[in-house]
All heavy atoms as atom14 arrays in JSON, in Angstrom:
{
  "sequence": "VESGGGLVQAGGSLRLSCVASGLTFTRYFMGWFRQAPGKEREFLAGI",
  "atom14_mask": [
    [1, 1, 1, 1, 1, 1, 1, 0, 0, 0, 0, 0, 0, 0],
    [1, 1, 1, 1, 1, 1, 1, 1, 1, 0, 0, 0, 0, 0],
    [1, 1, 1, 1, 1, 1, 0, 0, 0, 0, 0, 0, 0, 0],
    [1, 1, 1, 1, 0, 0, 0, 0, 0, 0, 0, 0, 0, 0],
    [1, 1, 1, 1, 0, 0, 0, 0, 0, 0, 0, 0, 0, 0],
    [1, 1, 1, 1, 0, 0, 0, 0, 0, 0, 0, 0, 0, 0],
    [1, 1, 1, 1, 1, 1, 1, 1, 0, 0, 0, 0, 0, 0],
    [1, 1, 1, 1, 1, 1, 1, 0, 0, 0, 0, 0, 0, 0],
    [1, 1, 1, 1, 1, 1, 1, 1, 1, 0, 0, 0, 0, 0],
    [1, 1, 1, 1, 1, 0, 0, 0, 0, 0, 0, 0, 0, 0],
    [1, 1, 1, 1, 0, 0, 0, 0, 0, 0, 0, 0, 0, 0],
    [1, 1, 1, 1, 0, 0, 0, 0, 0, 0, 0, 0, 0, 0],
    [1, 1, 1, 1, 1, 1, 0, 0, 0, 0, 0, 0, 0, 0],
    [1, 1, 1, 1, 1, 1, 1, 1, 0, 0, 0, 0, 0, 0],
    [1, 1, 1, 1, 1, 1, 1, 1, 1, 1, 1, 0, 0, 0],
    [1, 1, 1, 1, 1, 1, 1, 1, 0, 0, 0, 0, 0, 0],
    [1, 1, 1, 1, 1, 1, 0, 0, 0, 0, 0, 0, 0, 0],
    [1, 1, 1, 1, 1, 1, 0, 0, 0, 0, 0, 0, 0, 0],
    [1, 1, 1, 1, 1, 1, 1, 0, 0, 0, 0, 0, 0, 0],
    [1, 1, 1, 1, 1, 0, 0, 0, 0, 0, 0, 0, 0, 0],
    [1, 1, 1, 1, 1, 1, 0, 0, 0, 0, 0, 0, 0, 0],
    [1, 1, 1, 1, 0, 0, 0, 0, 0, 0, 0, 0, 0, 0],
    [1, 1, 1, 1, 1, 1, 1, 1, 0, 0, 0, 0, 0, 0],
    [1, 1, 1, 1, 1, 1, 1, 0, 0, 0, 0, 0, 0, 0],
    [1, 1, 1, 1, 1, 1, 1, 1, 1, 1, 1, 0, 0, 0],
    [1, 1, 1, 1, 1, 1, 1, 0, 0, 0, 0, 0, 0, 0],
    [1, 1, 1, 1, 1, 1, 1, 1, 1, 1, 1, 0, 0, 0],
    [1, 1, 1, 1, 1, 1, 1, 1, 1, 1, 1, 1, 0, 0],
    [1, 1, 1, 1, 1, 1, 1, 1, 1, 1, 1, 0, 0, 0],
    [1, 1, 1, 1, 1, 1, 1, 1, 0, 0, 0, 0, 0, 0],
    [1, 1, 1, 1, 0, 0, 0, 0, 0, 0, 0, 0, 0, 0],
    [1, 1, 1, 1, 1, 1, 1, 1, 1, 1, 1, 1, 1, 1],
    [1, 1, 1, 1, 1, 1, 1, 1, 1, 1, 1, 0, 0, 0],
    [1, 1, 1, 1, 1, 1, 1, 1, 1, 1, 1, 0, 0, 0],
    [1, 1, 1, 1, 1, 1, 1, 1, 1, 0, 0, 0, 0, 0],
    [1, 1, 1, 1, 1, 0, 0, 0, 0, 0, 0, 0, 0, 0],
    [1, 1, 1, 1, 1, 1, 1, 0, 0, 0, 0, 0, 0, 0],
    [1, 1, 1, 1, 0, 0, 0, 0, 0, 0, 0, 0, 0, 0],
    [1, 1, 1, 1, 1, 1, 1, 1, 1, 0, 0, 0, 0, 0],
    [1, 1, 1, 1, 1, 1, 1, 1, 1, 0, 0, 0, 0, 0],
    [1, 1, 1, 1, 1, 1, 1, 1, 1, 1, 1, 0, 0, 0],
    [1, 1, 1, 1, 1, 1, 1, 1, 1, 0, 0, 0, 0, 0],
    [1, 1, 1, 1, 1, 1, 1, 1, 1, 1, 1, 0, 0, 0],
    [1, 1, 1, 1, 1, 1, 1, 1, 0, 0, 0, 0, 0, 0],
    [1, 1, 1, 1, 1, 0, 0, 0, 0, 0, 0, 0, 0, 0],
    [1, 1, 1, 1, 0, 0, 0, 0, 0, 0, 0, 0, 0, 0],
    [1, 1, 1, 1, 1, 1, 1, 1, 0, 0, 0, 0, 0, 0]
  ],
  "atom14_positions": [
    [[-6.11, 1.7, 7.13], [-5.76, 0.42, 7.62], [-5.29, -0.54, 6.48], [-6.28, -0.92, 5.75], [-6.72, -0.19, 8.54], [-6.21, -1.54, 9.11], [-7.07, 0.72, 9.63], [0.0, 0.0, 0.0], [0.0, 0.0, 0.0], [0.0, 0.0, 0.0], [0.0, 0.0, 0.0], [0.0, 0.0, 0.0], [0.0, 0.0, 0.0], [0.0, 0.0, 0.0]],
    [[-4.12, -0.87, 6.45], [-3.64, -1.75, 5.32], [-3.7, -3.2, 5.81], [-3.62, -3.53, 7.07], [-2.15, -1.47, 4.92], [-1.93, -0.08, 4.34], [-1.37, 0.73, 5.46], [-1.6, 0.56, 6.66], [-0.68, 1.74, 5.01], [0.0, 0.0, 0.0], [0.0, 0.0, 0.0], [0.0, 0.0, 0.0], [0.0, 0.0, 0.0], [0.0, 0.0, 0.0]],
    [[-3.93, -4.1, 4.9], [-3.92, -5.5, 5.17], [-3.45, -6.23, 3.9], [-3.46, -5.68, 2.82], [-5.28, -6.05, 5.64], [-6.29, -5.88, 4.7], [0.0, 0.0, 0.0], [0.0, 0.0, 0.0], [0.0, 0.0, 0.0], [0.0, 0.0, 0.0], [0.0, 0.0, 0.0], [0.0, 0.0, 0.0], [0.0, 0.0, 0.0], [0.0, 0.0, 0.0]],
    [[-3.23, -7.58, 4.04], [-2.9, -8.33, 2.81], [-1.47, -8.76, 2.65], [-1.11, -9.54, 1.81], [0.0, 0.0, 0.0], [0.0, 0.0, 0.0], [0.0, 0.0, 0.0], [0.0, 0.0, 0.0], [0.0, 0.0, 0.0], [0.0, 0.0, 0.0], [0.0, 0.0, 0.0], [0.0, 0.0, 0.0], [0.0, 0.0, 0.0], [0.0, 0.0, 0.0]],
    [[-0.67, -8.17, 3.46], [0.76, -8.43, 3.43], [1.05, -9.89, 4.02], [0.16, -10.46, 4.65], [0.0, 0.0, 0.0], [0.0, 0.0, 0.0], [0.0, 0.0, 0.0], [0.0, 0.0, 0.0], [0.0, 0.0, 0.0], [0.0, 0.0, 0.0], [0.0, 0.0, 0.0], [0.0, 0.0, 0.0], [0.0, 0.0, 0.0], [0.0, 0.0, 0.0]],
    [[2.22, -10.34, 3.85], [2.69, -11.68, 4.35], [3.9, -12.17, 3.75], [4.65, -11.33, 2.99], [0.0, 0.0, 0.0], [0.0, 0.0, 0.0], [0.0, 0.0, 0.0], [0.0, 0.0, 0.0], [0.0, 0.0, 0.0], [0.0, 0.0, 0.0], [0.0, 0.0, 0.0], [0.0, 0.0, 0.0], [0.0, 0.0, 0.0], [0.0, 0.0, 0.0]],
    [[4.12, -13.28, 3.93], [5.3, -14.1, 3.35], [4.9, -14.77, 2.08], [3.88, -15.61, 1.96], [5.91, -14.98, 4.33], [7.13, -15.93, 3.89], [8.26, -15.03, 3.54], [7.39, -16.93, 4.99], [0.0, 0.0, 0.0], [0.0, 0.0, 0.0], [0.0, 0.0, 0.0], [0.0, 0.0, 0.0], [0.0, 0.0, 0.0], [0.0, 0.0, 0.0]],
    [[5.67, -14.59, 0.95], [5.27, -15.22, -0.27], [6.61, -15.56, -1.04], [7.63, -14.95, -0.88], [4.49, -14.22, -1.17], [5.21, -13.02, -1.53], [3.97, -14.95, -2.44], [0.0, 0.0, 0.0], [0.0, 0.0, 0.0], [0.0, 0.0, 0.0], [0.0, 0.0, 0.0], [0.0, 0.0, 0.0], [0.0, 0.0, 0.0], [0.0, 0.0, 0.0]],
    [[6.58, -16.62, -1.84], [7.77, -16.98, -2.55], [7.87, -16.06, -3.78], [6.94, -15.51, -4.26], [7.53, -18.42, -3.13], [7.58, -19.53, -1.93], [7.29, -20.93, -2.57], [6.15, -21.24, -2.83], [8.42, -21.6, -2.83], [0.0, 0.0, 0.0], [0.0, 0.0, 0.0], [0.0, 0.0, 0.0], [0.0, 0.0, 0.0], [0.0, 0.0, 0.0]],
    [[9.22, -16.04, -4.17], [9.41, -15.23, -5.44], [8.59, -15.78, -6.64], [8.43, -16.98, -6.8], [10.85, -15.23, -5.8], [0.0, 0.0, 0.0], [0.0, 0.0, 0.0], [0.0, 0.0, 0.0], [0.0, 0.0, 0.0], [0.0, 0.0, 0.0], [0.0, 0.0, 0.0], [0.0, 0.0, 0.0], [0.0, 0.0, 0.0], [0.0, 0.0, 0.0]],
    [[7.96, -14.85, -7.26], [7.14, -15.16, -8.37], [5.66, -15.23, -8.01], [4.75, -15.36, -8.84], [0.0, 0.0, 0.0], [0.0, 0.0, 0.0], [0.0, 0.0, 0.0], [0.0, 0.0, 0.0], [0.0, 0.0, 0.0], [0.0, 0.0, 0.0], [0.0, 0.0, 0.0], [0.0, 0.0, 0.0], [0.0, 0.0, 0.0], [0.0, 0.0, 0.0]],
    [[5.39, -15.14, -6.71], [4.0, -15.17, -6.27], [3.34, -13.88, -6.27], [3.9, -12.86, -6.71], [0.0, 0.0, 0.0], [0.0, 0.0, 0.0], [0.0, 0.0, 0.0], [0.0, 0.0, 0.0], [0.0, 0.0, 0.0], [0.0, 0.0, 0.0], [0.0, 0.0, 0.0], [0.0, 0.0, 0.0], [0.0, 0.0, 0.0], [0.0, 0.0, 0.0]],
    [[2.15, -13.83, -5.78], [1.23, -12.63, -5.8], [0.57, -12.39, -4.45], [0.31, -13.29, -3.64], [0.13, -12.75, -6.79], [0.63, -12.99, -8.12], [0.0, 0.0, 0.0], [0.0, 0.0, 0.0], [0.0, 0.0, 0.0], [0.0, 0.0, 0.0], [0.0, 0.0, 0.0], [0.0, 0.0, 0.0], [0.0, 0.0, 0.0], [0.0, 0.0, 0.0]],
    [[0.39, -11.1, -4.21], [-0.29, -10.7, -3.06], [-1.27, -9.54, -3.4], [-1.08, -8.83, -4.41], [0.49, -10.17, -1.9], [1.42, -11.11, -1.14], [2.35, -10.4, -0.24], [0.49, -12.08, -0.32], [0.0, 0.0, 0.0], [0.0, 0.0, 0.0], [0.0, 0.0, 0.0], [0.0, 0.0, 0.0], [0.0, 0.0, 0.0], [0.0, 0.0, 0.0]],
    [[-2.43, -9.42, -2.76], [-3.31, -8.28, -2.94], [-3.47, -7.45, -1.72], [-3.89, -8.1, -0.67], [-4.75, -8.75, -3.4], [-5.64, -7.57, -3.79], [-7.03, -7.98, -3.93], [-7.86, -7.12, -4.68], [-9.17, -6.96, -4.54], [-9.83, -7.85, -3.75], [-9.87, -6.19, -5.27], [0.0, 0.0, 0.0], [0.0, 0.0, 0.0], [0.0, 0.0, 0.0]],
    [[-2.99, -6.28, -1.7], [-2.96, -5.4, -0.47], [-4.31, -4.55, -0.58], [-4.67, -4.13, -1.63], [-1.74, -4.51, -0.42], [-0.42, -5.19, -0.54], [0.76, -4.01, -0.46], [-0.24, -6.23, 0.5], [0.0, 0.0, 0.0], [0.0, 0.0, 0.0], [0.0, 0.0, 0.0], [0.0, 0.0, 0.0], [0.0, 0.0, 0.0], [0.0, 0.0, 0.0]],
    [[-4.8, -4.38, 0.65], [-6.03, -3.55, 0.73], [-5.77, -2.47, 1.76], [-4.99, -2.58, 2.67], [-7.21, -4.37, 1.13], [-7.55, -5.37, 0.31], [0.0, 0.0, 0.0], [0.0, 0.0, 0.0], [0.0, 0.0, 0.0], [0.0, 0.0, 0.0], [0.0, 0.0, 0.0], [0.0, 0.0, 0.0], [0.0, 0.0, 0.0], [0.0, 0.0, 0.0]],
    [[-6.43, -1.34, 1.56], [-6.37, -0.27, 2.51], [-7.73, 0.33, 2.67], [-8.37, 0.84, 1.66], [-5.34, 0.88, 2.0], [-5.37, 2.39, 2.92], [0.0, 0.0, 0.0], [0.0, 0.0, 0.0], [0.0, 0.0, 0.0], [0.0, 0.0, 0.0], [0.0, 0.0, 0.0], [0.0, 0.0, 0.0], [0.0, 0.0, 0.0], [0.0, 0.0, 0.0]],
    [[-8.3, 0.21, 3.81], [-9.59, 0.73, 4.11], [-9.51, 2.07, 4.82], [-8.8, 2.22, 5.9], [-10.4, -0.3, 4.99], [-11.86, 0.32, 5.28], [-10.53, -1.66, 4.25], [0.0, 0.0, 0.0], [0.0, 0.0, 0.0], [0.0, 0.0, 0.0], [0.0, 0.0, 0.0], [0.0, 0.0, 0.0], [0.0, 0.0, 0.0], [0.0, 0.0, 0.0]],
    [[-10.18, 3.04, 4.33], [-10.16, 4.45, 4.96], [-11.42, 4.76, 5.65], [-12.51, 4.31, 5.28], [-9.91, 5.43, 3.86], [0.0, 0.0, 0.0], [0.0, 0.0, 0.0], [0.0, 0.0, 0.0], [0.0, 0.0, 0.0], [0.0, 0.0, 0.0], [0.0, 0.0, 0.0], [0.0, 0.0, 0.0], [0.0, 0.0, 0.0], [0.0, 0.0, 0.0]],
    [[-11.3, 5.47, 6.73], [-12.41, 5.97, 7.54], [-12.15, 7.34, 8.06], [-11.01, 7.67, 8.13], [-12.75, 4.97, 8.68], [-11.66, 4.77, 9.57], [0.0, 0.0, 0.0], [0.0, 0.0, 0.0], [0.0, 0.0, 0.0], [0.0, 0.0, 0.0], [0.0, 0.0, 0.0], [0.0, 0.0, 0.0], [0.0, 0.0, 0.0], [0.0, 0.0, 0.0]],
    [[-13.14, 8.05, 8.44], [-13.01, 9.36, 9.07], [-12.72, 10.54, 7.96], [-12.31, 11.6, 8.37], [0.0, 0.0, 0.0], [0.0, 0.0, 0.0], [0.0, 0.0, 0.0], [0.0, 0.0, 0.0], [0.0, 0.0, 0.0], [0.0, 0.0, 0.0], [0.0, 0.0, 0.0], [0.0, 0.0, 0.0], [0.0, 0.0, 0.0], [0.0, 0.0, 0.0]],
    [[-12.76, 10.19, 6.7], [-12.56, 11.16, 5.7], [-13.45, 10.91, 4.49], [-14.05, 9.84, 4.36], [-11.11, 11.16, 5.17], [-10.62, 10.13, 4.25], [-9.24, 10.46, 3.65], [-10.68, 8.74, 4.88], [0.0, 0.0, 0.0], [0.0, 0.0, 0.0], [0.0, 0.0, 0.0], [0.0, 0.0, 0.0], [0.0, 0.0, 0.0], [0.0, 0.0, 0.0]],
    [[-13.79, 11.96, 3.68], [-14.59, 11.69, 2.45], [-13.55, 11.13, 1.4], [-12.84, 11.85, 0.79], [-15.14, 13.03, 2.04], [-15.91, 13.59, 3.14], [-16.06, 12.82, 0.89], [0.0, 0.0, 0.0], [0.0, 0.0, 0.0], [0.0, 0.0, 0.0], [0.0, 0.0, 0.0], [0.0, 0.0, 0.0], [0.0, 0.0, 0.0], [0.0, 0.0, 0.0]],
    [[-13.73, 9.76, 1.31], [-12.81, 9.08, 0.47], [-12.76, 9.6, -0.87], [-11.62, 9.62, -1.51], [-13.2, 7.64, 0.56], [-12.2, 6.64, -0.12], [-10.87, 6.38, 0.47], [-12.49, 6.01, -1.26], [-10.06, 5.6, -0.17], [-11.62, 5.08, -1.8], [-10.42, 4.87, -1.28], [0.0, 0.0, 0.0], [0.0, 0.0, 0.0], [0.0, 0.0, 0.0]],
    [[-13.81, 9.9, -1.5], [-13.84, 10.31, -2.91], [-13.11, 11.63, -3.18], [-12.87, 12.06, -4.32], [-15.23, 10.36, -3.43], [-16.01, 11.25, -2.58], [-15.89, 8.97, -3.5], [0.0, 0.0, 0.0], [0.0, 0.0, 0.0], [0.0, 0.0, 0.0], [0.0, 0.0, 0.0], [0.0, 0.0, 0.0], [0.0, 0.0, 0.0], [0.0, 0.0, 0.0]],
    [[-12.8, 12.4, -2.13], [-12.05, 13.64, -2.31], [-10.54, 13.53, -2.45], [-9.89, 14.48, -2.71], [-12.35, 14.64, -1.16], [-13.83, 15.13, -1.04], [-14.05, 16.05, 0.07], [-15.37, 16.62, 0.15], [-15.88, 17.36, 1.05], [-15.12, 17.85, 2.02], [-17.18, 17.75, 1.09], [0.0, 0.0, 0.0], [0.0, 0.0, 0.0], [0.0, 0.0, 0.0]],
    [[-10.04, 12.35, -2.21], [-8.66, 12.09, -2.13], [-8.01, 11.27, -3.3], [-8.6, 10.23, -3.63], [-8.26, 11.5, -0.79], [-8.45, 12.35, 0.44], [-9.71, 12.42, 1.06], [-7.47, 13.2, 0.91], [-9.9, 13.33, 2.06], [-7.66, 14.11, 1.88], [-8.84, 14.12, 2.57], [-9.04, 14.95, 3.59], [0.0, 0.0, 0.0], [0.0, 0.0, 0.0]],
    [[-6.96, 11.76, -3.75], [-6.1, 10.91, -4.52], [-5.37, 9.89, -3.58], [-5.02, 10.3, -2.48], [-4.98, 11.81, -5.17], [-4.05, 11.14, -6.08], [-4.27, 11.05, -7.52], [-2.84, 10.72, -5.66], [-3.46, 10.5, -8.31], [-1.92, 10.06, -6.49], [-2.28, 9.94, -7.91], [0.0, 0.0, 0.0], [0.0, 0.0, 0.0], [0.0, 0.0, 0.0]],
    [[-5.32, 8.72, -3.98], [-4.62, 7.73, -3.15], [-3.39, 7.18, -3.73], [-3.28, 7.02, -4.92], [-5.62, 6.51, -2.86], [-6.99, 6.92, -2.28], [-6.87, 7.51, -0.6], [-6.08, 6.05, 0.25], [0.0, 0.0, 0.0], [0.0, 0.0, 0.0], [0.0, 0.0, 0.0], [0.0, 0.0, 0.0], [0.0, 0.0, 0.0], [0.0, 0.0, 0.0]],
    [[-2.49, 6.87, -2.81], [-1.14, 6.37, -3.25], [-0.71, 5.2, -2.4], [-1.19, 4.98, -1.32], [0.0, 0.0, 0.0], [0.0, 0.0, 0.0], [0.0, 0.0, 0.0], [0.0, 0.0, 0.0], [0.0, 0.0, 0.0], [0.0, 0.0, 0.0], [0.0, 0.0, 0.0], [0.0, 0.0, 0.0], [0.0, 0.0, 0.0], [0.0, 0.0, 0.0]],
    [[0.23, 4.39, -3.07], [0.86, 3.38, -2.32], [2.35, 3.63, -2.36], [2.94, 4.04, -3.34], [0.64, 2.06, -2.99], [-0.66, 1.41, -2.68], [-1.82, 1.49, -3.39], [-1.07, 0.65, -1.49], [-2.82, 0.81, -2.83], [-2.39, 0.26, -1.6], [-0.26, 0.19, -0.41], [-3.06, -0.51, -0.66], [-0.95, -0.6, 0.57], [-2.31, -0.88, 0.39]],
    [[2.99, 3.45, -1.15], [4.43, 3.57, -1.04], [5.01, 2.32, -0.37], [4.19, 1.47, 0.25], [4.75, 4.75, -0.1], [4.43, 6.18, -0.67], [3.08, 6.59, -0.74], [5.46, 7.05, -1.06], [2.78, 7.81, -1.18], [5.09, 8.25, -1.48], [3.82, 8.68, -1.63], [0.0, 0.0, 0.0], [0.0, 0.0, 0.0], [0.0, 0.0, 0.0]],
    [[6.25, 2.2, -0.37], [6.93, 1.16, 0.37], [8.28, 1.61, 0.89], [8.83, 2.6, 0.44], [7.17, -0.14, -0.48], [8.15, -0.07, -1.6], [8.3, -1.22, -2.32], [9.25, -1.12, -3.57], [9.3, -1.97, -4.48], [8.62, -3.07, -4.59], [10.3, -1.64, -5.47], [0.0, 0.0, 0.0], [0.0, 0.0, 0.0], [0.0, 0.0, 0.0]],
    [[8.73, 0.98, 1.96], [9.92, 1.38, 2.6], [10.64, 0.13, 3.13], [10.02, -0.64, 3.91], [9.66, 2.3, 3.76], [10.89, 2.99, 4.38], [10.68, 4.07, 5.24], [9.62, 4.27, 5.73], [11.66, 4.93, 5.33], [0.0, 0.0, 0.0], [0.0, 0.0, 0.0], [0.0, 0.0, 0.0], [0.0, 0.0, 0.0], [0.0, 0.0, 0.0]],
    [[11.76, -0.13, 2.63], [12.63, -1.28, 3.09], [13.59, -0.77, 4.16], [13.87, 0.44, 4.23], [13.34, -1.81, 1.87], [0.0, 0.0, 0.0], [0.0, 0.0, 0.0], [0.0, 0.0, 0.0], [0.0, 0.0, 0.0], [0.0, 0.0, 0.0], [0.0, 0.0, 0.0], [0.0, 0.0, 0.0], [0.0, 0.0, 0.0], [0.0, 0.0, 0.0]],
    [[14.05, -1.63, 4.93], [15.04, -1.16, 5.94], [16.19, -0.4, 5.39], [16.87, -0.87, 4.43], [15.51, -2.49, 6.72], [14.31, -3.4, 6.44], [13.74, -3.02, 5.04], [0.0, 0.0, 0.0], [0.0, 0.0, 0.0], [0.0, 0.0, 0.0], [0.0, 0.0, 0.0], [0.0, 0.0, 0.0], [0.0, 0.0, 0.0], [0.0, 0.0, 0.0]],
    [[16.61, 0.77, 5.98], [17.63, 1.58, 5.48], [17.39, 2.31, 4.27], [18.34, 2.94, 3.76], [0.0, 0.0, 0.0], [0.0, 0.0, 0.0], [0.0, 0.0, 0.0], [0.0, 0.0, 0.0], [0.0, 0.0, 0.0], [0.0, 0.0, 0.0], [0.0, 0.0, 0.0], [0.0, 0.0, 0.0], [0.0, 0.0, 0.0], [0.0, 0.0, 0.0]],
    [[16.16, 2.23, 3.68], [15.89, 2.84, 2.49], [14.85, 4.02, 2.69], [14.2, 4.11, 3.7], [15.25, 1.94, 1.48], [16.12, 0.67, 1.22], [17.23, 0.99, 0.23], [17.88, -0.32, -0.25], [18.88, 0.04, -1.23], [0.0, 0.0, 0.0], [0.0, 0.0, 0.0], [0.0, 0.0, 0.0], [0.0, 0.0, 0.0], [0.0, 0.0, 0.0]],
    [[14.83, 4.93, 1.7], [13.83, 5.98, 1.72], [12.5, 5.39, 1.36], [12.4, 4.35, 0.61], [14.25, 7.07, 0.71], [15.38, 7.93, 1.06], [14.99, 9.02, 2.04], [14.03, 9.61, 1.99], [15.77, 9.07, 3.04], [0.0, 0.0, 0.0], [0.0, 0.0, 0.0], [0.0, 0.0, 0.0], [0.0, 0.0, 0.0], [0.0, 0.0, 0.0]],
    [[11.48, 6.13, 1.84], [10.14, 5.66, 1.41], [9.91, 6.02, -0.06], [10.17, 7.05, -0.54], [9.06, 6.38, 2.33], [7.68, 5.96, 2.1], [6.65, 6.36, 3.19], [7.05, 5.82, 4.45], [6.27, 5.93, 5.55], [5.07, 6.57, 5.45], [6.71, 5.42, 6.7], [0.0, 0.0, 0.0], [0.0, 0.0, 0.0], [0.0, 0.0, 0.0]],
    [[9.46, 4.94, -0.74], [9.38, 5.01, -2.28], [7.86, 5.05, -2.66], [7.11, 4.14, -2.37], [10.17, 3.77, -2.8], [10.17, 3.7, -4.35], [10.79, 2.41, -4.71], [10.7, 1.44, -4.07], [11.3, 2.47, -5.92], [0.0, 0.0, 0.0], [0.0, 0.0, 0.0], [0.0, 0.0, 0.0], [0.0, 0.0, 0.0], [0.0, 0.0, 0.0]],
    [[7.63, 6.03, -3.52], [6.33, 6.01, -4.2], [6.24, 4.87, -5.21], [7.2, 4.67, -5.94], [6.17, 7.32, -4.9], [4.87, 7.46, -5.81], [3.61, 7.6, -5.17], [4.92, 7.2, -7.17], [2.47, 7.64, -5.95], [3.91, 7.3, -7.94], [2.56, 7.42, -7.31], [0.0, 0.0, 0.0], [0.0, 0.0, 0.0], [0.0, 0.0, 0.0]],
    [[5.17, 4.19, -5.22], [4.87, 3.1, -6.14], [3.85, 3.4, -7.25], [4.02, 3.2, -8.35], [4.51, 1.85, -5.39], [5.53, 1.32, -4.42], [4.86, 0.08, -3.6], [6.82, 0.84, -5.14], [0.0, 0.0, 0.0], [0.0, 0.0, 0.0], [0.0, 0.0, 0.0], [0.0, 0.0, 0.0], [0.0, 0.0, 0.0], [0.0, 0.0, 0.0]],
    [[2.66, 3.81, -6.67], [1.49, 4.0, -7.58], [0.49, 4.97, -7.0], [0.47, 5.06, -5.72], [0.83, 2.63, -7.79], [0.0, 0.0, 0.0], [0.0, 0.0, 0.0], [0.0, 0.0, 0.0], [0.0, 0.0, 0.0], [0.0, 0.0, 0.0], [0.0, 0.0, 0.0], [0.0, 0.0, 0.0], [0.0, 0.0, 0.0], [0.0, 0.0, 0.0]],
    [[-0.25, 5.61, -7.8], [-1.26, 6.52, -7.33], [-2.49, 6.36, -8.23], [-2.45, 5.91, -9.33], [0.0, 0.0, 0.0], [0.0, 0.0, 0.0], [0.0, 0.0, 0.0], [0.0, 0.0, 0.0], [0.0, 0.0, 0.0], [0.0, 0.0, 0.0], [0.0, 0.0, 0.0], [0.0, 0.0, 0.0], [0.0, 0.0, 0.0], [0.0, 0.0, 0.0]],
    [[-3.62, 6.79, -7.7], [-4.94, 6.7, -8.38], [-5.79, 7.92, -8.17], [-5.8, 8.35, -6.99], [-5.57, 5.35, -8.11], [-6.83, 5.04, -9.1], [-6.06, 5.29, -6.63], [-7.32, 3.66, -8.99], [0.0, 0.0, 0.0], [0.0, 0.0, 0.0], [0.0, 0.0, 0.0], [0.0, 0.0, 0.0], [0.0, 0.0, 0.0], [0.0, 0.0, 0.0]]
  ]
}
């Protein structure tokens, strides 16, 4: 479950969170992606 998105002015900041349940969290590599309208889903970062 992601949260933290919203409307922000250019130059501003946001902190997105993702809370996981139902899995052993420490066993998983985690990634963030984004998708804009009409665009492919894009990998951003992984940990």
